[in-house]
Protein backbone atom coordinates (compact mmCIF):
# COMPACT_ATOMS: atom_id res chain seq x y z
CA MET A 1 -9.13 -0.73 14.29
CA ARG A 2 -6.77 2.28 14.26
CA HIS A 3 -3.71 3.39 11.46
CA THR A 4 -0.67 1.80 12.18
CA LYS A 5 2.33 3.40 13.71
CA SER A 6 5.87 2.83 12.84
CA GLU A 7 6.60 0.13 15.54
CA ASP A 8 3.17 -1.91 14.42
CA LEU A 9 4.79 -2.26 10.77
CA ILE A 10 7.81 -4.07 12.82
CA PRO A 11 5.92 -7.55 11.97
CA ILE A 12 5.08 -6.77 8.28
CA MET A 13 8.05 -5.24 7.38
CA TYR A 14 8.84 -7.86 4.86
CA VAL A 15 5.40 -6.36 3.17
CA ILE A 16 6.76 -2.99 3.29
CA GLU A 17 10.11 -3.99 1.99
CA LYS A 18 8.25 -5.08 -1.08
CA ILE A 19 6.15 -2.48 -1.63
CA ARG A 20 9.27 0.00 -1.06
CA LYS A 21 10.89 -1.98 -4.19
CA LEU A 22 7.90 -0.03 -6.18
CA ASP A 23 10.12 2.77 -7.39
CA CYS A 24 7.33 4.95 -8.41
CA LEU A 25 5.80 5.04 -4.88
CA LYS A 26 6.82 7.30 -2.25
CA GLU A 27 6.41 6.61 1.35
CA LYS A 28 5.29 10.02 2.89
CA SER A 29 5.09 8.52 6.40
CA PRO A 30 5.70 5.22 7.65
CA GLY A 31 3.63 2.47 5.71
CA SER A 32 1.90 5.11 3.91
CA PHE A 33 2.53 5.15 0.45
CA TYR A 34 1.65 7.54 -2.60
CA TYR A 35 1.92 7.65 -6.20
CA ARG A 36 2.24 11.57 -6.96
CA SER A 37 -0.32 13.00 -4.74
CA LYS A 38 -2.80 9.95 -4.40
CA ASN A 39 -2.58 7.64 -1.37
CA VAL A 40 -2.18 4.28 -2.93
CA ILE A 41 -1.55 1.77 0.24
CA HIS A 42 -1.60 2.22 3.84
CA PHE A 43 -1.78 -0.03 6.56
CA HIS A 44 -4.25 -0.68 9.54
CA VAL A 45 -3.89 -3.08 13.00
CA ASP A 46 -6.81 -4.34 14.81
CA LYS A 47 -5.39 -6.50 17.66
CA GLU A 48 -3.03 -9.09 16.50
CA SER A 49 -4.62 -8.52 12.28
CA TYR A 50 -3.41 -6.15 9.70
CA PHE A 51 -5.17 -4.80 7.33
CA CYS A 52 -4.04 -2.48 4.29
CA ASP A 53 -6.18 -0.08 2.31
CA ILE A 54 -6.00 -0.04 -1.71
CA GLY A 55 -8.11 2.48 -3.08
CA ASN A 56 -11.56 2.24 -1.78
CA SER A 57 -11.06 -1.50 -0.78
CA ARG A 58 -9.60 -3.18 2.69
CA TYR A 59 -7.97 -6.22 2.32
CA GLU A 60 -6.51 -8.31 5.38
CA LEU A 61 -3.33 -9.01 5.15
CA ASN A 62 -1.09 -12.24 5.68
CA GLU A 63 0.61 -15.31 3.62
CA LYS A 64 -2.12 -16.04 1.36
CA THR A 65 -3.14 -12.39 0.19
CA LEU A 66 0.63 -10.77 0.12
CA PRO A 67 1.00 -11.68 -3.84
CA ILE A 68 -2.72 -10.81 -4.23
CA ILE A 69 -2.10 -7.33 -2.61
CA ILE A 70 1.14 -6.55 -4.61
CA LYS A 71 -0.62 -7.42 -7.87
CA ILE A 72 -3.02 -5.19 -6.78
CA VAL A 73 -0.98 -2.36 -5.78
CA SER A 74 1.03 -2.64 -8.88
CA ASP A 75 -2.26 -2.38 -10.84
CA GLU A 76 -3.23 0.62 -8.97
CA ILE A 77 -0.10 2.30 -9.99
CA GLU A 78 -0.65 1.32 -13.82
CA ALA A 79 -4.11 2.92 -13.72
CA LEU A 80 -3.38 5.94 -11.88
CA GLY A 81 -0.13 6.28 -14.57
CA ASN A 82 -2.29 5.79 -17.35
CA LYS A 83 -4.69 8.29 -15.96
CA ALA A 84 -2.33 10.80 -15.87
CA ARG A 85 -0.95 10.29 -19.26
CA SER A 86 -4.58 10.64 -20.29
CA ASN A 87 -4.98 13.88 -18.54
CA GLY A 88 -1.31 14.99 -20.10
CA GLU A 89 0.77 14.99 -16.78
C-alpha cells in the first residue's frame, strides 16, 4: 500500500470532486486535503483497491462507503472548527 499519485486518482475523481466542494478544505497536493494546518483526508492505493485516511482511521473506498466517508469528513471538519473556536483561533 502506498500514497496515491496524481494518476492514481483518475478512477476516484468523482470522490475527489465531492471533497473539493467542501469549501473549507484546501487541497495542498492532489488528493490531500487540509483544514487549516491539519490533514483531514488523503488517499492510498493497493493494487486495485483505494483507501482513505481520515484522522487516525483508514476506510476502504467504494460505492457503499462513499456517503459514509463524506459524512465522516464533514464531521471531522466540524470538530476541528469547534476546537479552533474554543481555542480562540
